[in-house]
Amino acid sequence: MNIQDIWSSALHLVGQAWWVEITTERPHCTYYFGPFTTAVEADAAKAGYVEDLEAESAQGIQVAIKRCKPVQITIDYEANGQDGYGSTSKTSMSGQFG
C-alpha cells in the first residue's frame, strides 16, 4: 500500500474522500467508485467507469463527483425492492416468482 492509498483510506474514514457516484436508469442502480483524495482525481477517473457501464448496456447514466462516505458501493434498487428514493417499490409481479 502506497502513501496515496493510505491517505485516501484516512479521508474515507472521516467522510472527506471524494467519490464518483454513478446512477443508471437501466439497471436501476447507484454505483460508488473511489475513494479519491481530490475531486480532480475522481473526475479524471470517471470516464473509465462510464465506459465500463456503457459496455454492459447500462442506460440513463448520470455522474456526480462528491464527498461522501458510502455504506454500500453498489445499490441495486430493483433487487432491494426500492424505488431509489428510500421507499419500497409497489410493483406487481403478476404470475411471476423470483
PDB file of N, CA and C in Angstrom:
ATOM      1  N   MET A   1       0.857  -1.179   0.000  1.00  0.00           N
ATOM      2  CA  MET A   1       0.000   0.000   0.000  1.00  0.00           C
ATOM      3  C   MET A   1       0.900   1.237   0.000  1.00  0.00           C
ATOM      4  N   ASN A   2       0.648   2.150  -0.954  1.00  0.00           N
ATOM      5  CA  ASN A   2       1.457   3.362  -1.025  1.00  0.00           C
ATOM      6  C   ASN A   2       0.836   4.489  -0.199  1.00  0.00           C
ATOM      7  N   ILE A   3       1.537   5.584  -0.089  1.00  0.00           N
ATOM      8  CA  ILE A   3       1.079   6.703   0.728  1.00  0.00           C
ATOM      9  C   ILE A   3      -0.245   7.274   0.224  1.00  0.00           C
ATOM     10  N   GLN A   4      -0.445   7.279  -1.103  1.00  0.00           N
ATOM     11  CA  GLN A   4      -1.697   7.774  -1.678  1.00  0.00           C
ATOM     12  C   GLN A   4      -2.877   6.912  -1.224  1.00  0.00           C
ATOM     13  N   ASP A   5      -2.699   5.589  -1.210  1.00  0.00           N
ATOM     14  CA  ASP A   5      -3.758   4.683  -0.760  1.00  0.00           C
ATOM     15  C   ASP A   5      -4.062   4.890   0.721  1.00  0.00           C
ATOM     16  N   ILE A   6      -3.024   5.081   1.504  1.00  0.00           N
ATOM     17  CA  ILE A   6      -3.207   5.308   2.944  1.00  0.00           C
ATOM     18  C   ILE A   6      -3.976   6.609   3.171  1.00  0.00           C
ATOM     19  N   TRP A   7      -3.586   7.664   2.444  1.00  0.00           N
ATOM     20  CA  TRP A   7      -4.254   8.955   2.583  1.00  0.00           C
ATOM     21  C   TRP A   7      -5.717   8.862   2.142  1.00  0.00           C
ATOM     22  N   SER A   8      -5.997   8.187   1.041  1.00  0.00           N
ATOM     23  CA  SER A   8      -7.379   8.008   0.576  1.00  0.00           C
ATOM     24  C   SER A   8      -8.210   7.267   1.613  1.00  0.00           C
ATOM     25  N   SER A   9      -7.633   6.234   2.206  1.00  0.00           N
ATOM     26  CA  SER A   9      -8.341   5.458   3.229  1.00  0.00           C
ATOM     27  C   SER A   9      -8.625   6.309   4.459  1.00  0.00           C
ATOM     28  N   ALA A  10      -7.660   7.125   4.854  1.00  0.00           N
ATOM     29  CA  ALA A  10      -7.855   8.001   6.021  1.00  0.00           C
ATOM     30  C   ALA A  10      -8.959   9.015   5.751  1.00  0.00           C
ATOM     31  N   LEU A  11      -8.949   9.608   4.570  1.00  0.00           N
ATOM     32  CA  LEU A  11     -10.008  10.558   4.216  1.00  0.00           C
ATOM     33  C   LEU A  11     -11.372   9.890   4.207  1.00  0.00           C
ATOM     34  N   HIS A  12     -11.423   8.654   3.699  1.00  0.00           N
ATOM     35  CA  HIS A  12     -12.694   7.922   3.679  1.00  0.00           C
ATOM     36  C   HIS A  12     -13.208   7.684   5.095  1.00  0.00           C
ATOM     37  N   LEU A  13     -12.334   7.324   5.993  1.00  0.00           N
ATOM     38  CA  LEU A  13     -12.752   7.047   7.373  1.00  0.00           C
ATOM     39  C   LEU A  13     -13.436   8.235   8.024  1.00  0.00           C
ATOM     40  N   VAL A  14     -13.004   9.441   7.685  1.00  0.00           N
ATOM     41  CA  VAL A  14     -13.597  10.632   8.292  1.00  0.00           C
ATOM     42  C   VAL A  14     -14.622  11.304   7.365  1.00  0.00           C
ATOM     43  N   GLY A  15     -14.976  10.642   6.273  1.00  0.00           N
ATOM     44  CA  GLY A  15     -16.010  11.147   5.378  1.00  0.00           C
ATOM     45  C   GLY A  15     -15.569  12.304   4.503  1.00  0.00           C
ATOM     46  N   GLN A  16     -14.280  12.459   4.269  1.00  0.00           N
ATOM     47  CA  GLN A  16     -13.777  13.574   3.464  1.00  0.00           C
ATOM     48  C   GLN A  16     -13.200  13.137   2.122  1.00  0.00           C
ATOM     49  N   ALA A  17     -13.322  11.875   1.788  1.00  0.00           N
ATOM     50  CA  ALA A  17     -12.818  11.385   0.498  1.00  0.00           C
ATOM     51  C   ALA A  17     -13.799  11.763  -0.608  1.00  0.00           C
ATOM     52  N   TRP A  18     -13.284  11.830  -1.814  1.00  0.00           N
ATOM     53  CA  TRP A  18     -14.098  12.100  -2.989  1.00  0.00           C
ATOM     54  C   TRP A  18     -14.461  10.787  -3.666  1.00  0.00           C
ATOM     55  N   TRP A  19     -15.671  10.706  -4.162  1.00  0.00           N
ATOM     56  CA  TRP A  19     -16.177   9.508  -4.823  1.00  0.00           C
ATOM     57  C   TRP A  19     -16.842   9.886  -6.132  1.00  0.00           C
ATOM     58  N   VAL A  20     -16.813   8.964  -7.080  1.00  0.00           N
ATOM     59  CA  VAL A  20     -17.590   9.087  -8.308  1.00  0.00           C
ATOM     60  C   VAL A  20     -18.887   8.329  -8.046  1.00  0.00           C
ATOM     61  N   GLU A  21     -20.007   9.052  -8.089  1.00  0.00           N
ATOM     62  CA  GLU A  21     -21.317   8.426  -7.907  1.00  0.00           C
ATOM     63  C   GLU A  21     -21.977   8.346  -9.278  1.00  0.00           C
ATOM     64  N   ILE A  22     -22.297   7.136  -9.701  1.00  0.00           N
ATOM     65  CA  ILE A  22     -22.949   6.937 -10.994  1.00  0.00           C
ATOM     66  C   ILE A  22     -24.295   6.264 -10.759  1.00  0.00           C
ATOM     67  N   THR A  23     -25.347   6.898 -11.279  1.00  0.00           N
ATOM     68  CA  THR A  23     -26.676   6.294 -11.208  1.00  0.00           C
ATOM     69  C   THR A  23     -27.082   5.906 -12.624  1.00  0.00           C
ATOM     70  N   THR A  24     -27.791   4.813 -12.716  1.00  0.00           N
ATOM     71  CA  THR A  24     -28.287   4.346 -14.008  1.00  0.00           C
ATOM     72  C   THR A  24     -29.776   4.065 -13.884  1.00  0.00           C
ATOM     73  N   GLU A  25     -30.496   4.306 -14.980  1.00  0.00           N
ATOM     74  CA  GLU A  25     -31.926   4.004 -15.012  1.00  0.00           C
ATOM     75  C   GLU A  25     -32.173   2.531 -15.295  1.00  0.00           C
ATOM     76  N   ARG A  26     -31.357   1.964 -16.190  1.00  0.00           N
ATOM     77  CA  ARG A  26     -31.453   0.541 -16.535  1.00  0.00           C
ATOM     78  C   ARG A  26     -30.059  -0.043 -16.523  1.00  0.00           C
ATOM     79  N   PRO A  27     -29.708  -0.899 -15.620  1.00  0.00           N
ATOM     80  CA  PRO A  27     -30.484  -1.286 -14.444  1.00  0.00           C
ATOM     81  C   PRO A  27     -30.589  -0.102 -13.488  1.00  0.00           C
ATOM     82  N   HIS A  28     -31.593  -0.125 -12.643  1.00  0.00           N
ATOM     83  CA  HIS A  28     -31.804   0.968 -11.696  1.00  0.00           C
ATOM     84  C   HIS A  28     -30.847   0.778 -10.516  1.00  0.00           C
ATOM     85  N   CYS A  29     -29.676   1.422 -10.636  1.00  0.00           N
ATOM     86  CA  CYS A  29     -28.609   1.228  -9.644  1.00  0.00           C
ATOM     87  C   CYS A  29     -27.879   2.529  -9.357  1.00  0.00           C
ATOM     88  N   THR A  30     -27.195   2.544  -8.228  1.00  0.00           N
ATOM     89  CA  THR A  30     -26.223   3.584  -7.900  1.00  0.00           C
ATOM     90  C   THR A  30     -24.918   2.875  -7.594  1.00  0.00           C
ATOM     91  N   TYR A  31     -23.846   3.385  -8.208  1.00  0.00           N
ATOM     92  CA  TYR A  31     -22.512   2.818  -8.002  1.00  0.00           C
ATOM     93  C   TYR A  31     -21.599   3.898  -7.449  1.00  0.00           C
ATOM     94  N   TYR A  32     -20.736   3.523  -6.531  1.00  0.00           N
ATOM     95  CA  TYR A  32     -19.723   4.439  -5.998  1.00  0.00           C
ATOM     96  C   TYR A  32     -18.345   3.892  -6.332  1.00  0.00           C
ATOM     97  N   PHE A  33     -17.495   4.761  -6.883  1.00  0.00           N
ATOM     98  CA  PHE A  33     -16.119   4.398  -7.221  1.00  0.00           C
ATOM     99  C   PHE A  33     -15.186   5.345  -6.483  1.00  0.00           C
ATOM    100  N   GLY A  34     -14.235   4.790  -5.783  1.00  0.00           N
ATOM    101  CA  GLY A  34     -13.294   5.606  -5.025  1.00  0.00           C
ATOM    102  C   GLY A  34     -12.681   4.765  -3.931  1.00  0.00           C
ATOM    103  N   PRO A  35     -12.156   5.360  -2.912  1.00  0.00           N
ATOM    104  CA  PRO A  35     -12.097   6.794  -2.642  1.00  0.00           C
ATOM    105  C   PRO A  35     -10.938   7.459  -3.377  1.00  0.00           C
ATOM    106  N   PHE A  36     -11.095   8.777  -3.592  1.00  0.00           N
ATOM    107  CA  PHE A  36     -10.061   9.601  -4.196  1.00  0.00           C
ATOM    108  C   PHE A  36      -9.711  10.731  -3.233  1.00  0.00           C
ATOM    109  N   THR A  37      -8.482  11.219  -3.330  1.00  0.00           N
ATOM    110  CA  THR A  37      -8.054  12.286  -2.419  1.00  0.00           C
ATOM    111  C   THR A  37      -8.507  13.663  -2.878  1.00  0.00           C
ATOM    112  N   THR A  38      -8.773  13.831  -4.177  1.00  0.00           N
ATOM    113  CA  THR A  38      -9.222  15.126  -4.696  1.00  0.00           C
ATOM    114  C   THR A  38     -10.357  14.930  -5.690  1.00  0.00           C
ATOM    115  N   ALA A  39     -11.142  15.985  -5.878  1.00  0.00           N
ATOM    116  CA  ALA A  39     -12.213  15.955  -6.869  1.00  0.00           C
ATOM    117  C   ALA A  39     -11.631  15.845  -8.278  1.00  0.00           C
ATOM    118  N   VAL A  40     -10.480  16.447  -8.503  1.00  0.00           N
ATOM    119  CA  VAL A  40      -9.827  16.385  -9.814  1.00  0.00           C
ATOM    120  C   VAL A  40      -9.453  14.944 -10.141  1.00  0.00           C
ATOM    121  N   GLU A  41      -8.927  14.235  -9.165  1.00  0.00           N
ATOM    122  CA  GLU A  41      -8.556  12.827  -9.360  1.00  0.00           C
ATOM    123  C   GLU A  41      -9.797  11.985  -9.676  1.00  0.00           C
ATOM    124  N   ALA A  42     -10.888  12.218  -8.952  1.00  0.00           N
ATOM    125  CA  ALA A  42     -12.128  11.481  -9.189  1.00  0.00           C
ATOM    126  C   ALA A  42     -12.683  11.798 -10.577  1.00  0.00           C
ATOM    127  N   ASP A  43     -12.646  13.068 -10.947  1.00  0.00           N
ATOM    128  CA  ASP A  43     -13.153  13.489 -12.248  1.00  0.00           C
ATOM    129  C   ASP A  43     -12.360  12.846 -13.388  1.00  0.00           C
ATOM    130  N   ALA A  44     -11.053  12.729 -13.203  1.00  0.00           N
ATOM    131  CA  ALA A  44     -10.204  12.116 -14.224  1.00  0.00           C
ATOM    132  C   ALA A  44     -10.507  10.631 -14.407  1.00  0.00           C
ATOM    133  N   ALA A  45     -10.988   9.978 -13.357  1.00  0.00           N
ATOM    134  CA  ALA A  45     -11.251   8.539 -13.410  1.00  0.00           C
ATOM    135  C   ALA A  45     -12.654   8.195 -13.910  1.00  0.00           C
ATOM    136  N   LYS A  46     -13.573   9.152 -13.879  1.00  0.00           N
ATOM    137  CA  LYS A  46     -14.982   8.836 -14.155  1.00  0.00           C
ATOM    138  C   LYS A  46     -15.227   8.284 -15.551  1.00  0.00           C
ATOM    139  N   ALA A  47     -14.496   8.746 -16.544  1.00  0.00           N
ATOM    140  CA  ALA A  47     -14.741   8.296 -17.922  1.00  0.00           C
ATOM    141  C   ALA A  47     -14.586   6.786 -18.062  1.00  0.00           C
ATOM    142  N   GLY A  48     -13.608   6.215 -17.388  1.00  0.00           N
ATOM    143  CA  GLY A  48     -13.405   4.769 -17.459  1.00  0.00           C
ATOM    144  C   GLY A  48     -14.561   3.987 -16.859  1.00  0.00           C
ATOM    145  N   TYR A  49     -15.120   4.515 -15.767  1.00  0.00           N
ATOM    146  CA  TYR A  49     -16.257   3.837 -15.132  1.00  0.00           C
ATOM    147  C   TYR A  49     -17.496   3.918 -16.022  1.00  0.00           C
ATOM    148  N   VAL A  50     -17.723   5.076 -16.610  1.00  0.00           N
ATOM    149  CA  VAL A  50     -18.866   5.241 -17.515  1.00  0.00           C
ATOM    150  C   VAL A  50     -18.707   4.326 -18.724  1.00  0.00           C
ATOM    151  N   GLU A  51     -17.516   4.264 -19.257  1.00  0.00           N
ATOM    152  CA  GLU A  51     -17.242   3.387 -20.409  1.00  0.00           C
ATOM    153  C   GLU A  51     -17.554   1.930 -20.081  1.00  0.00           C
ATOM    154  N   ASP A  52     -17.154   1.479 -18.899  1.00  0.00           N
ATOM    155  CA  ASP A  52     -17.443   0.096 -18.480  1.00  0.00           C
ATOM    156  C   ASP A  52     -18.945  -0.153 -18.400  1.00  0.00           C
ATOM    157  N   LEU A  53     -19.691   0.805 -17.829  1.00  0.00           N
ATOM    158  CA  LEU A  53     -21.139   0.635 -17.701  1.00  0.00           C
ATOM    159  C   LEU A  53     -21.820   0.664 -19.070  1.00  0.00           C
ATOM    160  N   GLU A  54     -21.343   1.525 -19.962  1.00  0.00           N
ATOM    161  CA  GLU A  54     -21.899   1.553 -21.317  1.00  0.00           C
ATOM    162  C   GLU A  54     -21.638   0.236 -22.035  1.00  0.00           C
ATOM    163  N   ALA A  55     -20.480  -0.348 -21.811  1.00  0.00           N
ATOM    164  CA  ALA A  55     -20.157  -1.645 -22.423  1.00  0.00           C
ATOM    165  C   ALA A  55     -21.069  -2.749 -21.908  1.00  0.00           C
ATOM    166  N   GLU A  56     -21.614  -2.559 -20.714  1.00  0.00           N
ATOM    167  CA  GLU A  56     -22.565  -3.518 -20.137  1.00  0.00           C
ATOM    168  C   GLU A  56     -24.002  -3.144 -20.459  1.00  0.00           C
ATOM    169  N   SER A  57     -24.197  -2.192 -21.385  1.00  0.00           N
ATOM    170  CA  SER A  57     -25.508  -1.754 -21.872  1.00  0.00           C
ATOM    171  C   SER A  57     -26.343  -0.996 -20.843  1.00  0.00           C
ATOM    172  N   ALA A  58     -25.693  -0.366 -19.858  1.00  0.00           N
ATOM    173  CA  ALA A  58     -26.428   0.464 -18.904  1.00  0.00           C
ATOM    174  C   ALA A  58     -27.000   1.667 -19.637  1.00  0.00           C
ATOM    175  N   GLN A  59     -28.188   2.121 -19.206  1.00  0.00           N
ATOM    176  CA  GLN A  59     -28.860   3.247 -19.841  1.00  0.00           C
ATOM    177  C   GLN A  59     -29.196   4.313 -18.810  1.00  0.00           C
ATOM    178  N   GLY A  60     -29.315   5.549 -19.257  1.00  0.00           N
ATOM    179  CA  GLY A  60     -29.678   6.649 -18.364  1.00  0.00           C
ATOM    180  C   GLY A  60     -28.599   6.932 -17.340  1.00  0.00           C
ATOM    181  N   ILE A  61     -27.356   7.022 -17.795  1.00  0.00           N
ATOM    182  CA  ILE A  61     -26.216   7.181 -16.896  1.00  0.00           C
ATOM    183  C   ILE A  61     -26.064   8.644 -16.490  1.00  0.00           C
ATOM    184  N   GLN A  62     -25.973   8.881 -15.181  1.00  0.00           N
ATOM    185  CA  GLN A  62     -25.712  10.207 -14.633  1.00  0.00           C
ATOM    186  C   GLN A  62     -24.539  10.099 -13.672  1.00  0.00           C
ATOM    187  N   VAL A  63     -23.643  11.096 -13.724  1.00  0.00           N
ATOM    188  CA  VAL A  63     -22.415  11.055 -12.933  1.00  0.00           C
ATOM    189  C   VAL A  63     -22.323  12.281 -12.040  1.00  0.00           C
ATOM    190  N   ALA A  64     -21.898  12.060 -10.797  1.00  0.00           N
ATOM    191  CA  ALA A  64     -21.633  13.154  -9.865  1.00  0.00           C
ATOM    192  C   ALA A  64     -20.339  12.854  -9.126  1.00  0.00           C
ATOM    193  N   ILE A  65     -19.568  13.908  -8.880  1.00  0.00           N
ATOM    194  CA  ILE A  65     -18.368  13.794  -8.061  1.00  0.00           C
ATOM    195  C   ILE A  65     -18.732  14.412  -6.722  1.00  0.00           C
ATOM    196  N   LYS A  66     -18.580  13.657  -5.641  1.00  0.00           N
ATOM    197  CA  LYS A  66     -18.999  14.188  -4.352  1.00  0.00           C
ATOM    198  C   LYS A  66     -18.157  13.654  -3.210  1.00  0.00           C
ATOM    199  N   ARG A  67     -18.149  14.413  -2.144  1.00  0.00           N
ATOM    200  CA  ARG A  67     -17.559  13.956  -0.891  1.00  0.00           C
ATOM    201  C   ARG A  67     -18.655  13.225  -0.140  1.00  0.00           C
ATOM    202  N   CYS A  68     -18.374  11.997   0.203  1.00  0.00           N
ATOM    203  CA  CYS A  68     -19.348  11.215   0.939  1.00  0.00           C
ATOM    204  C   CYS A  68     -18.654  10.015   1.553  1.00  0.00           C
ATOM    205  N   LYS A  69     -19.410   9.235   2.257  1.00  0.00           N
ATOM    206  CA  LYS A  69     -18.902   8.014   2.884  1.00  0.00           C
ATOM    207  C   LYS A  69     -19.924   6.914   2.628  1.00  0.00           C
ATOM    208  N   PRO A  70     -19.923   6.351   1.415  1.00  0.00           N
ATOM    209  CA  PRO A  70     -20.952   5.361   1.091  1.00  0.00           C
ATOM    210  C   PRO A  70     -20.852   4.108   1.964  1.00  0.00           C
ATOM    211  N   VAL A  71     -21.998   3.630   2.361  1.00  0.00           N
ATOM    212  CA  VAL A  71     -22.072   2.398   3.148  1.00  0.00           C
ATOM    213  C   VAL A  71     -22.004   1.194   2.223  1.00  0.00           C
ATOM    214  N   GLN A  72     -22.636   1.305   1.062  1.00  0.00           N
ATOM    215  CA  GLN A  72     -22.607   0.271   0.029  1.00  0.00           C
ATOM    216  C   GLN A  72     -22.006   0.897  -1.219  1.00  0.00           C
ATOM    217  N   ILE A  73     -21.197   0.148  -1.952  1.00  0.00           N
ATOM    218  CA  ILE A  73     -20.646   0.715  -3.180  1.00  0.00           C
ATOM    219  C   ILE A  73     -21.501   0.406  -4.403  1.00  0.00           C
ATOM    220  N   THR A  74     -22.392  -0.549  -4.308  1.00  0.00           N
ATOM    221  CA  THR A  74     -23.358  -0.836  -5.367  1.00  0.00           C
ATOM    222  C   THR A  74     -24.722  -1.011  -4.734  1.00  0.00           C
ATOM    223  N   ILE A  75     -25.677  -0.221  -5.199  1.00  0.00           N
ATOM    224  CA  ILE A  75     -27.053  -0.321  -4.703  1.00  0.00           C
ATOM    225  C   ILE A  75     -27.933  -0.673  -5.890  1.00  0.00           C
ATOM    226  N   ASP A  76     -28.522  -1.842  -5.860  1.00  0.00           N
ATOM    227  CA  ASP A  76     -29.427  -2.301  -6.905  1.00  0.00           C
ATOM    228  C   ASP A  76     -30.840  -2.151  -6.369  1.00  0.00           C
ATOM    229  N   TYR A  77     -31.521  -1.076  -6.770  1.00  0.00           N
ATOM    230  CA  TYR A  77     -32.848  -0.776  -6.229  1.00  0.00           C
ATOM    231  C   TYR A  77     -33.878  -1.826  -6.599  1.00  0.00           C
ATOM    232  N   GLU A  78     -33.769  -2.387  -7.783  1.00  0.00           N
ATOM    233  CA  GLU A  78     -34.723  -3.412  -8.204  1.00  0.00           C
ATOM    234  C   GLU A  78     -34.582  -4.664  -7.358  1.00  0.00           C
ATOM    235  N   ALA A  79     -33.355  -5.078  -7.083  1.00  0.00           N
ATOM    236  CA  ALA A  79     -33.125  -6.272  -6.265  1.00  0.00           C
ATOM    237  C   ALA A  79     -33.522  -6.036  -4.814  1.00  0.00           C
ATOM    238  N   ASN A  80     -33.419  -4.782  -4.360  1.00  0.00           N
ATOM    239  CA  ASN A  80     -33.751  -4.446  -2.974  1.00  0.00           C
ATOM    240  C   ASN A  80     -35.214  -4.059  -2.804  1.00  0.00           C
ATOM    241  N   GLY A  81     -35.983  -4.015  -3.907  1.00  0.00           N
ATOM    242  CA  GLY A  81     -37.392  -3.651  -3.812  1.00  0.00           C
ATOM    243  C   GLY A  81     -37.604  -2.191  -3.468  1.00  0.00           C
ATOM    244  N   GLN A  82     -36.669  -1.320  -3.877  1.00  0.00           N
ATOM    245  CA  GLN A  82     -36.787   0.111  -3.600  1.00  0.00           C
ATOM    246  C   GLN A  82     -36.932   0.868  -4.902  1.00  0.00           C
ATOM    247  N   ASP A  83     -37.449   2.088  -4.797  1.00  0.00           N
ATOM    248  CA  ASP A  83     -37.595   2.918  -5.985  1.00  0.00           C
ATOM    249  C   ASP A  83     -36.413   3.857  -6.191  1.00  0.00           C
ATOM    250  N   GLY A  84     -35.418   3.822  -5.327  1.00  0.00           N
ATOM    251  CA  GLY A  84     -34.260   4.683  -5.455  1.00  0.00           C
ATOM    252  C   GLY A  84     -34.328   5.909  -4.580  1.00  0.00           C
ATOM    253  N   TYR A  85     -35.443   6.115  -3.925  1.00  0.00           N
ATOM    254  CA  TYR A  85     -35.603   7.267  -3.055  1.00  0.00           C
ATOM    255  C   TYR A  85     -35.899   6.845  -1.625  1.00  0.00           C
ATOM    256  N   GLY A  86     -35.556   5.621  -1.294  1.00  0.00           N
ATOM    257  CA  GLY A  86     -35.688   5.147   0.076  1.00  0.00           C
ATOM    258  C   GLY A  86     -37.013   4.502   0.405  1.00  0.00           C
ATOM    259  N   SER A  87     -37.980   4.513  -0.521  1.00  0.00           N
ATOM    260  CA  SER A  87     -39.248   3.878  -0.232  1.00  0.00           C
ATOM    261  C   SER A  87     -39.343   2.561  -0.981  1.00  0.00           C
ATOM    262  N   THR A  88     -40.218   1.721  -0.509  1.00  0.00           N
ATOM    263  CA  THR A  88     -40.385   0.409  -1.120  1.00  0.00           C
ATOM    264  C   THR A  88     -41.197   0.519  -2.394  1.00  0.00           C
ATOM    265  N   SER A  89     -40.784  -0.203  -3.389  1.00  0.00           N
ATOM    266  CA  SER A  89     -41.471  -0.225  -4.671  1.00  0.00           C
ATOM    267  C   SER A  89     -42.798  -0.952  -4.534  1.00  0.00           C
ATOM    268  N   LYS A  90     -43.797  -0.513  -5.282  1.00  0.00           N
ATOM    269  CA  LYS A  90     -45.121  -1.120  -5.224  1.00  0.00           C
ATOM    270  C   LYS A  90     -45.461  -1.848  -6.519  1.00  0.00           C
ATOM    271  N   THR A  91     -44.459  -2.344  -7.219  1.00  0.00           N
ATOM    272  CA  THR A  91     -44.731  -3.000  -8.494  1.00  0.00           C
ATOM    273  C   THR A  91     -45.344  -4.372  -8.281  1.00  0.00           C
ATOM    274  N   SER A  92     -46.233  -4.729  -9.180  1.00  0.00           N
ATOM    275  CA  SER A  92     -46.891  -6.027  -9.126  1.00  0.00           C
ATOM    276  C   SER A  92     -46.145  -6.996 -10.023  1.00  0.00           C
ATOM    277  N   MET A  93     -45.979  -8.211  -9.568  1.00  0.00           N
ATOM    278  CA  MET A  93     -45.295  -9.247 -10.335  1.00  0.00           C
ATOM    279  C   MET A  93     -46.301 -10.344 -10.689  1.00  0.00           C
ATOM    280  N   SER A  94     -47.392  -9.987 -11.299  1.00  0.00           N
ATOM    281  CA  SER A  94     -48.468 -10.916 -11.577  1.00  0.00           C
ATOM    282  C   SER A  94     -47.989 -12.184 -12.264  1.00  0.00           C
ATOM    283  N   GLY A  95     -48.102 -13.277 -11.557  1.00  0.00           N
ATOM    284  CA  GLY A  95     -47.779 -14.577 -12.104  1.00  0.00           C
ATOM    285  C   GLY A  95     -46.292 -14.891 -12.162  1.00  0.00           C
ATOM    286  N   GLN A  96     -45.447 -13.982 -11.701  1.00  0.00           N
ATOM    287  CA  GLN A  96     -44.010 -14.243 -11.732  1.00  0.00           C
ATOM    288  C   GLN A  96     -43.508 -14.493 -10.315  1.00  0.00           C
ATOM    289  N   PHE A  97     -42.597 -15.424 -10.232  1.00  0.00           N
ATOM    290  CA  PHE A  97     -41.996 -15.732  -8.937  1.00  0.00           C
ATOM    291  C   PHE A  97     -40.500 -15.582  -9.058  1.00  0.00           C
ATOM    292  N   GLY A  98     -39.857 -14.948  -8.037  1.00  0.00           N
ATOM    293  CA  GLY A  98     -38.425 -14.718  -8.078  1.00  0.00           C
ATOM    294  C   GLY A  98     -37.745 -15.639  -7.218  1.00  0.00           C
TER     295      GLY A  98
END
